[in-house]
Amino acid sequence: TILAKVHQVGAACHTGEYSCFFTELAKRDYIDT
């Protein structure tokens, strides 16, 4: 697997969202430090 770190111009997703991973499936509250 390759990991690419990029300067994104505009949106990455064809839907117009910045990231393709915008659909939240599940989440548990936690303290972000």
All heavy atoms as atom14 arrays in JSON, in Angstrom:
{
  "sequence": "TILAKVHQVGAACHTGEYSCFFTELAKRDYIDT",
  "atom14_mask": [
    [1, 1, 1, 1, 1, 1, 1, 0, 0, 0, 0, 0, 0, 0],
    [1, 1, 1, 1, 1, 1, 1, 1, 0, 0, 0, 0, 0, 0],
    [1, 1, 1, 1, 1, 1, 1, 1, 0, 0, 0, 0, 0, 0],
    [1, 1, 1, 1, 1, 0, 0, 0, 0, 0, 0, 0, 0, 0],
    [1, 1, 1, 1, 1, 1, 1, 1, 1, 0, 0, 0, 0, 0],
    [1, 1, 1, 1, 1, 1, 1, 0, 0, 0, 0, 0, 0, 0],
    [1, 1, 1, 1, 1, 1, 1, 1, 1, 1, 0, 0, 0, 0],
    [1, 1, 1, 1, 1, 1, 1, 1, 1, 0, 0, 0, 0, 0],
    [1, 1, 1, 1, 1, 1, 1, 0, 0, 0, 0, 0, 0, 0],
    [1, 1, 1, 1, 0, 0, 0, 0, 0, 0, 0, 0, 0, 0],
    [1, 1, 1, 1, 1, 0, 0, 0, 0, 0, 0, 0, 0, 0],
    [1, 1, 1, 1, 1, 0, 0, 0, 0, 0, 0, 0, 0, 0],
    [1, 1, 1, 1, 1, 1, 0, 0, 0, 0, 0, 0, 0, 0],
    [1, 1, 1, 1, 1, 1, 1, 1, 1, 1, 0, 0, 0, 0],
    [1, 1, 1, 1, 1, 1, 1, 0, 0, 0, 0, 0, 0, 0],
    [1, 1, 1, 1, 0, 0, 0, 0, 0, 0, 0, 0, 0, 0],
    [1, 1, 1, 1, 1, 1, 1, 1, 1, 0, 0, 0, 0, 0],
    [1, 1, 1, 1, 1, 1, 1, 1, 1, 1, 1, 1, 0, 0],
    [1, 1, 1, 1, 1, 1, 0, 0, 0, 0, 0, 0, 0, 0],
    [1, 1, 1, 1, 1, 1, 0, 0, 0, 0, 0, 0, 0, 0],
    [1, 1, 1, 1, 1, 1, 1, 1, 1, 1, 1, 0, 0, 0],
    [1, 1, 1, 1, 1, 1, 1, 1, 1, 1, 1, 0, 0, 0],
    [1, 1, 1, 1, 1, 1, 1, 0, 0, 0, 0, 0, 0, 0],
    [1, 1, 1, 1, 1, 1, 1, 1, 1, 0, 0, 0, 0, 0],
    [1, 1, 1, 1, 1, 1, 1, 1, 0, 0, 0, 0, 0, 0],
    [1, 1, 1, 1, 1, 0, 0, 0, 0, 0, 0, 0, 0, 0],
    [1, 1, 1, 1, 1, 1, 1, 1, 1, 0, 0, 0, 0, 0],
    [1, 1, 1, 1, 1, 1, 1, 1, 1, 1, 1, 0, 0, 0],
    [1, 1, 1, 1, 1, 1, 1, 1, 0, 0, 0, 0, 0, 0],
    [1, 1, 1, 1, 1, 1, 1, 1, 1, 1, 1, 1, 0, 0],
    [1, 1, 1, 1, 1, 1, 1, 1, 0, 0, 0, 0, 0, 0],
    [1, 1, 1, 1, 1, 1, 1, 1, 0, 0, 0, 0, 0, 0],
    [1, 1, 1, 1, 1, 1, 1, 0, 0, 0, 0, 0, 0, 0]
  ],
  "atom14_positions": [
    [[0.85, -1.2, 0.0], [0.0, 0.0, 0.0], [0.88, 1.24, 0.0], [1.86, 1.32, 0.75], [-0.92, 0.05, 1.24], [-1.68, -1.16, 1.31], [-1.88, 1.24, 1.16], [0.0, 0.0, 0.0], [0.0, 0.0, 0.0], [0.0, 0.0, 0.0], [0.0, 0.0, 0.0], [0.0, 0.0, 0.0], [0.0, 0.0, 0.0], [0.0, 0.0, 0.0]],
    [[0.52, 2.22, -0.83], [1.23, 3.49, -0.9], [0.43, 4.53, -0.12], [-0.81, 4.56, -0.19], [1.41, 3.94, -2.36], [2.36, 2.99, -3.1], [1.96, 5.37, -2.44], [2.44, 3.26, -4.6], [0.0, 0.0, 0.0], [0.0, 0.0, 0.0], [0.0, 0.0, 0.0], [0.0, 0.0, 0.0], [0.0, 0.0, 0.0], [0.0, 0.0, 0.0]],
    [[1.14, 5.39, 0.61], [0.53, 6.55, 1.26], [1.1, 7.8, 0.59], [2.32, 7.99, 0.56], [0.84, 6.57, 2.76], [0.39, 7.81, 3.53], [-1.14, 7.9, 3.55], [0.94, 7.83, 4.94], [0.0, 0.0, 0.0], [0.0, 0.0, 0.0], [0.0, 0.0, 0.0], [0.0, 0.0, 0.0], [0.0, 0.0, 0.0], [0.0, 0.0, 0.0]],
    [[0.21, 8.62, 0.04], [0.63, 9.85, -0.62], [0.15, 11.04, 0.2], [-1.02, 11.12, 0.58], [0.05, 9.93, -2.03], [0.0, 0.0, 0.0], [0.0, 0.0, 0.0], [0.0, 0.0, 0.0], [0.0, 0.0, 0.0], [0.0, 0.0, 0.0], [0.0, 0.0, 0.0], [0.0, 0.0, 0.0], [0.0, 0.0, 0.0], [0.0, 0.0, 0.0]],
    [[1.06, 11.97, 0.5], [0.72, 13.21, 1.17], [0.78, 14.33, 0.13], [1.82, 14.51, -0.52], [1.66, 13.49, 2.34], [1.58, 12.41, 3.42], [2.45, 12.75, 4.62], [2.34, 11.67, 5.69], [3.1, 12.02, 6.91], [0.0, 0.0, 0.0], [0.0, 0.0, 0.0], [0.0, 0.0, 0.0], [0.0, 0.0, 0.0], [0.0, 0.0, 0.0]],
    [[-0.34, 15.04, -0.03], [-0.46, 15.96, -1.17], [-1.0, 17.32, -0.75], [-1.62, 17.47, 0.3], [-1.39, 15.37, -2.25], [-0.93, 14.0, -2.69], [-2.85, 15.33, -1.75], [0.0, 0.0, 0.0], [0.0, 0.0, 0.0], [0.0, 0.0, 0.0], [0.0, 0.0, 0.0], [0.0, 0.0, 0.0], [0.0, 0.0, 0.0], [0.0, 0.0, 0.0]],
    [[-0.75, 18.3, -1.61], [-1.45, 19.58, -1.55], [-2.65, 19.45, -2.45], [-2.52, 19.37, -3.67], [-0.54, 20.71, -2.01], [-1.18, 22.07, -1.96], [-0.65, 23.11, -1.24], [-2.32, 22.56, -2.53], [-1.41, 24.17, -1.36], [-2.44, 23.86, -2.14], [0.0, 0.0, 0.0], [0.0, 0.0, 0.0], [0.0, 0.0, 0.0], [0.0, 0.0, 0.0]],
    [[-3.82, 19.42, -1.87], [-5.06, 19.24, -2.64], [-5.6, 20.6, -3.08], [-5.85, 21.48, -2.25], [-6.11, 18.52, -1.79], [-7.48, 18.4, -2.44], [-7.48, 17.44, -3.61], [-7.11, 16.27, -3.48], [-7.88, 17.93, -4.78], [0.0, 0.0, 0.0], [0.0, 0.0, 0.0], [0.0, 0.0, 0.0], [0.0, 0.0, 0.0], [0.0, 0.0, 0.0]],
    [[-5.79, 20.75, -4.38], [-6.46, 21.93, -4.91], [-7.94, 21.61, -5.05], [-8.3, 20.61, -5.67], [-5.87, 22.34, -6.28], [-6.65, 23.5, -6.87], [-4.4, 22.7, -6.14], [0.0, 0.0, 0.0], [0.0, 0.0, 0.0], [0.0, 0.0, 0.0], [0.0, 0.0, 0.0], [0.0, 0.0, 0.0], [0.0, 0.0, 0.0], [0.0, 0.0, 0.0]],
    [[-8.78, 22.44, -4.46], [-10.2, 22.17, -4.54], [-10.59, 20.94, -3.74], [-10.03, 20.67, -2.68], [0.0, 0.0, 0.0], [0.0, 0.0, 0.0], [0.0, 0.0, 0.0], [0.0, 0.0, 0.0], [0.0, 0.0, 0.0], [0.0, 0.0, 0.0], [0.0, 0.0, 0.0], [0.0, 0.0, 0.0], [0.0, 0.0, 0.0], [0.0, 0.0, 0.0]],
    [[-11.54, 20.19, -4.26], [-12.07, 19.02, -3.57], [-11.48, 17.73, -4.14], [-11.22, 17.63, -5.33], [-13.59, 18.98, -3.69], [0.0, 0.0, 0.0], [0.0, 0.0, 0.0], [0.0, 0.0, 0.0], [0.0, 0.0, 0.0], [0.0, 0.0, 0.0], [0.0, 0.0, 0.0], [0.0, 0.0, 0.0], [0.0, 0.0, 0.0], [0.0, 0.0, 0.0]],
    [[-11.28, 16.76, -3.27], [-10.76, 15.47, -3.73], [-11.88, 14.59, -4.28], [-11.65, 13.77, -5.17], [-10.06, 14.75, -2.58], [0.0, 0.0, 0.0], [0.0, 0.0, 0.0], [0.0, 0.0, 0.0], [0.0, 0.0, 0.0], [0.0, 0.0, 0.0], [0.0, 0.0, 0.0], [0.0, 0.0, 0.0], [0.0, 0.0, 0.0], [0.0, 0.0, 0.0]],
    [[-13.08, 14.75, -3.74], [-14.19, 13.86, -4.12], [-14.97, 14.42, -5.3], [-15.19, 15.63, -5.4], [-15.12, 13.67, -2.91], [-16.45, 12.49, -3.22], [0.0, 0.0, 0.0], [0.0, 0.0, 0.0], [0.0, 0.0, 0.0], [0.0, 0.0, 0.0], [0.0, 0.0, 0.0], [0.0, 0.0, 0.0], [0.0, 0.0, 0.0], [0.0, 0.0, 0.0]],
    [[-15.44, 13.52, -6.18], [-16.21, 13.95, -7.35], [-17.55, 14.55, -6.97], [-18.19, 15.25, -7.78], [-16.44, 12.76, -8.29], [-17.4, 11.75, -7.77], [-17.07, 10.83, -6.8], [-18.72, 11.53, -8.07], [-18.12, 10.07, -6.53], [-19.13, 10.48, -7.28], [0.0, 0.0, 0.0], [0.0, 0.0, 0.0], [0.0, 0.0, 0.0], [0.0, 0.0, 0.0]],
    [[-17.99, 14.34, -5.71], [-19.26, 14.9, -5.25], [-19.13, 16.38, -4.88], [-20.13, 17.05, -4.64], [-19.78, 14.14, -4.01], [-18.86, 14.33, -2.92], [-19.93, 12.65, -4.3], [0.0, 0.0, 0.0], [0.0, 0.0, 0.0], [0.0, 0.0, 0.0], [0.0, 0.0, 0.0], [0.0, 0.0, 0.0], [0.0, 0.0, 0.0], [0.0, 0.0, 0.0]],
    [[-17.9, 16.85, -4.79], [-17.65, 18.22, -4.35], [-17.22, 18.31, -2.91], [-16.81, 19.39, -2.45], [0.0, 0.0, 0.0], [0.0, 0.0, 0.0], [0.0, 0.0, 0.0], [0.0, 0.0, 0.0], [0.0, 0.0, 0.0], [0.0, 0.0, 0.0], [0.0, 0.0, 0.0], [0.0, 0.0, 0.0], [0.0, 0.0, 0.0], [0.0, 0.0, 0.0]],
    [[-17.3, 17.19, -2.16], [-16.8, 17.16, -0.79], [-15.27, 17.17, -0.82], [-14.65, 16.64, -1.75], [-17.29, 15.92, -0.06], [-18.8, 15.87, 0.16], [-19.25, 16.82, 1.25], [-18.38, 17.28, 2.04], [-20.45, 17.13, 1.31], [0.0, 0.0, 0.0], [0.0, 0.0, 0.0], [0.0, 0.0, 0.0], [0.0, 0.0, 0.0], [0.0, 0.0, 0.0]],
    [[-14.66, 17.76, 0.21], [-13.21, 17.84, 0.23], [-12.58, 16.45, 0.29], [-11.6, 16.17, -0.4], [-12.74, 18.67, 1.43], [-11.25, 18.92, 1.43], [-10.64, 19.66, 0.43], [-10.45, 18.38, 2.43], [-9.28, 19.88, 0.41], [-9.08, 18.6, 2.43], [-8.5, 19.34, 1.42], [-7.14, 19.54, 1.42], [0.0, 0.0, 0.0], [0.0, 0.0, 0.0]],
    [[-13.14, 15.58, 1.13], [-12.66, 14.2, 1.26], [-13.75, 13.24, 0.8], [-14.94, 13.5, 0.96], [-12.29, 13.91, 2.72], [-12.1, 12.51, 2.92], [0.0, 0.0, 0.0], [0.0, 0.0, 0.0], [0.0, 0.0, 0.0], [0.0, 0.0, 0.0], [0.0, 0.0, 0.0], [0.0, 0.0, 0.0], [0.0, 0.0, 0.0], [0.0, 0.0, 0.0]],
    [[-13.33, 12.11, 0.25], [-14.29, 11.09, -0.15], [-14.92, 10.41, 1.08], [-15.99, 9.81, 0.98], [-13.61, 10.02, -1.01], [-13.06, 10.64, -2.62], [0.0, 0.0, 0.0], [0.0, 0.0, 0.0], [0.0, 0.0, 0.0], [0.0, 0.0, 0.0], [0.0, 0.0, 0.0], [0.0, 0.0, 0.0], [0.0, 0.0, 0.0], [0.0, 0.0, 0.0]],
    [[-14.27, 10.52, 2.24], [-14.73, 9.83, 3.44], [-15.57, 10.78, 4.3], [-15.2, 11.12, 5.42], [-13.54, 9.28, 4.23], [-12.75, 8.25, 3.47], [-11.65, 8.63, 2.71], [-13.12, 6.92, 3.49], [-10.93, 7.69, 2.0], [-12.4, 5.97, 2.78], [-11.31, 6.35, 2.03], [0.0, 0.0, 0.0], [0.0, 0.0, 0.0], [0.0, 0.0, 0.0]],
    [[-16.71, 11.21, 3.76], [-17.55, 12.16, 4.48], [-18.8, 11.51, 5.1], [-19.54, 12.17, 5.81], [-17.97, 13.31, 3.56], [-18.74, 12.88, 2.33], [-20.12, 12.73, 2.38], [-18.09, 12.62, 1.14], [-20.83, 12.35, 1.25], [-18.79, 12.24, 0.01], [-20.17, 12.1, 0.06], [0.0, 0.0, 0.0], [0.0, 0.0, 0.0], [0.0, 0.0, 0.0]],
    [[-19.03, 10.23, 4.81], [-20.2, 9.54, 5.36], [-19.83, 8.87, 6.68], [-19.07, 7.89, 6.7], [-20.73, 8.49, 4.38], [-21.05, 9.11, 3.13], [-21.98, 7.81, 4.95], [0.0, 0.0, 0.0], [0.0, 0.0, 0.0], [0.0, 0.0, 0.0], [0.0, 0.0, 0.0], [0.0, 0.0, 0.0], [0.0, 0.0, 0.0], [0.0, 0.0, 0.0]],
    [[-20.35, 9.4, 7.78], [-20.06, 8.82, 9.09], [-20.93, 7.6, 9.32], [-22.16, 7.65, 9.2], [-20.32, 9.86, 10.18], [-19.95, 9.39, 11.58], [-20.17, 10.46, 12.63], [-19.52, 11.54, 12.51], [-20.96, 10.22, 13.56], [0.0, 0.0, 0.0], [0.0, 0.0, 0.0], [0.0, 0.0, 0.0], [0.0, 0.0, 0.0], [0.0, 0.0, 0.0]],
    [[-20.3, 6.48, 9.62], [-21.03, 5.23, 9.85], [-21.26, 4.96, 11.33], [-22.33, 4.49, 11.73], [-20.25, 4.05, 9.23], [-20.05, 4.11, 7.72], [-19.21, 2.92, 7.26], [-21.4, 4.1, 7.0], [0.0, 0.0, 0.0], [0.0, 0.0, 0.0], [0.0, 0.0, 0.0], [0.0, 0.0, 0.0], [0.0, 0.0, 0.0], [0.0, 0.0, 0.0]],
    [[-20.29, 5.23, 12.17], [-20.41, 5.01, 13.61], [-19.4, 5.88, 14.32], [-18.32, 6.18, 13.79], [-20.18, 3.54, 13.95], [0.0, 0.0, 0.0], [0.0, 0.0, 0.0], [0.0, 0.0, 0.0], [0.0, 0.0, 0.0], [0.0, 0.0, 0.0], [0.0, 0.0, 0.0], [0.0, 0.0, 0.0], [0.0, 0.0, 0.0], [0.0, 0.0, 0.0]],
    [[-19.75, 6.29, 15.54], [-18.84, 7.13, 16.31], [-19.12, 7.0, 17.79], [-20.27, 6.92, 18.21], [-18.99, 8.6, 15.89], [-18.03, 9.55, 16.6], [-18.2, 10.98, 16.11], [-17.23, 11.92, 16.81], [-17.39, 13.33, 16.36], [0.0, 0.0, 0.0], [0.0, 0.0, 0.0], [0.0, 0.0, 0.0], [0.0, 0.0, 0.0], [0.0, 0.0, 0.0]],
    [[-18.06, 6.96, 18.57], [-18.17, 6.92, 20.02], [-17.5, 8.17, 20.58], [-16.41, 8.54, 20.14], [-17.5, 5.66, 20.58], [-17.67, 5.46, 22.08], [-17.05, 4.13, 22.5], [-17.28, 3.85, 23.91], [-16.5, 4.28, 24.89], [-15.44, 5.01, 24.61], [-16.78, 3.99, 26.14], [0.0, 0.0, 0.0], [0.0, 0.0, 0.0], [0.0, 0.0, 0.0]],
    [[-18.14, 8.83, 21.53], [-17.55, 10.02, 22.11], [-16.24, 9.7, 22.81], [-16.11, 8.65, 23.48], [-18.52, 10.66, 23.12], [-19.71, 11.3, 22.43], [-19.59, 11.6, 21.23], [-20.74, 11.48, 23.09], [0.0, 0.0, 0.0], [0.0, 0.0, 0.0], [0.0, 0.0, 0.0], [0.0, 0.0, 0.0], [0.0, 0.0, 0.0], [0.0, 0.0, 0.0]],
    [[-15.26, 10.57, 22.66], [-13.97, 10.4, 23.3], [-13.32, 11.76, 23.49], [-13.72, 12.74, 22.87], [-13.06, 9.48, 22.47], [-12.76, 10.0, 21.08], [-11.63, 10.77, 20.82], [-13.63, 9.73, 20.02], [-11.37, 11.25, 19.55], [-13.38, 10.21, 18.75], [-12.25, 10.97, 18.52], [-12.0, 11.46, 17.26], [0.0, 0.0, 0.0], [0.0, 0.0, 0.0]],
    [[-12.33, 11.8, 24.37], [-11.6, 13.04, 24.61], [-10.42, 13.11, 23.64], [-9.53, 12.26, 23.67], [-11.09, 13.12, 26.07], [-12.29, 13.12, 27.04], [-10.24, 14.36, 26.28], [-11.86, 13.07, 28.5], [0.0, 0.0, 0.0], [0.0, 0.0, 0.0], [0.0, 0.0, 0.0], [0.0, 0.0, 0.0], [0.0, 0.0, 0.0], [0.0, 0.0, 0.0]],
    [[-10.44, 14.1, 22.8], [-9.38, 14.28, 21.8], [-8.29, 15.17, 22.4], [-8.54, 16.33, 22.75], [-9.95, 14.93, 20.55], [-8.94, 15.05, 19.42], [-7.78, 14.62, 19.63], [-9.29, 15.58, 18.36], [0.0, 0.0, 0.0], [0.0, 0.0, 0.0], [0.0, 0.0, 0.0], [0.0, 0.0, 0.0], [0.0, 0.0, 0.0], [0.0, 0.0, 0.0]],
    [[-7.09, 14.62, 22.55], [-5.97, 15.4, 23.09], [-4.91, 15.7, 22.03], [-3.8, 16.12, 22.35], [-5.3, 14.66, 24.27], [-4.86, 13.37, 23.82], [-6.27, 14.5, 25.43], [0.0, 0.0, 0.0], [0.0, 0.0, 0.0], [0.0, 0.0, 0.0], [0.0, 0.0, 0.0], [0.0, 0.0, 0.0], [0.0, 0.0, 0.0], [0.0, 0.0, 0.0]]
  ]
}
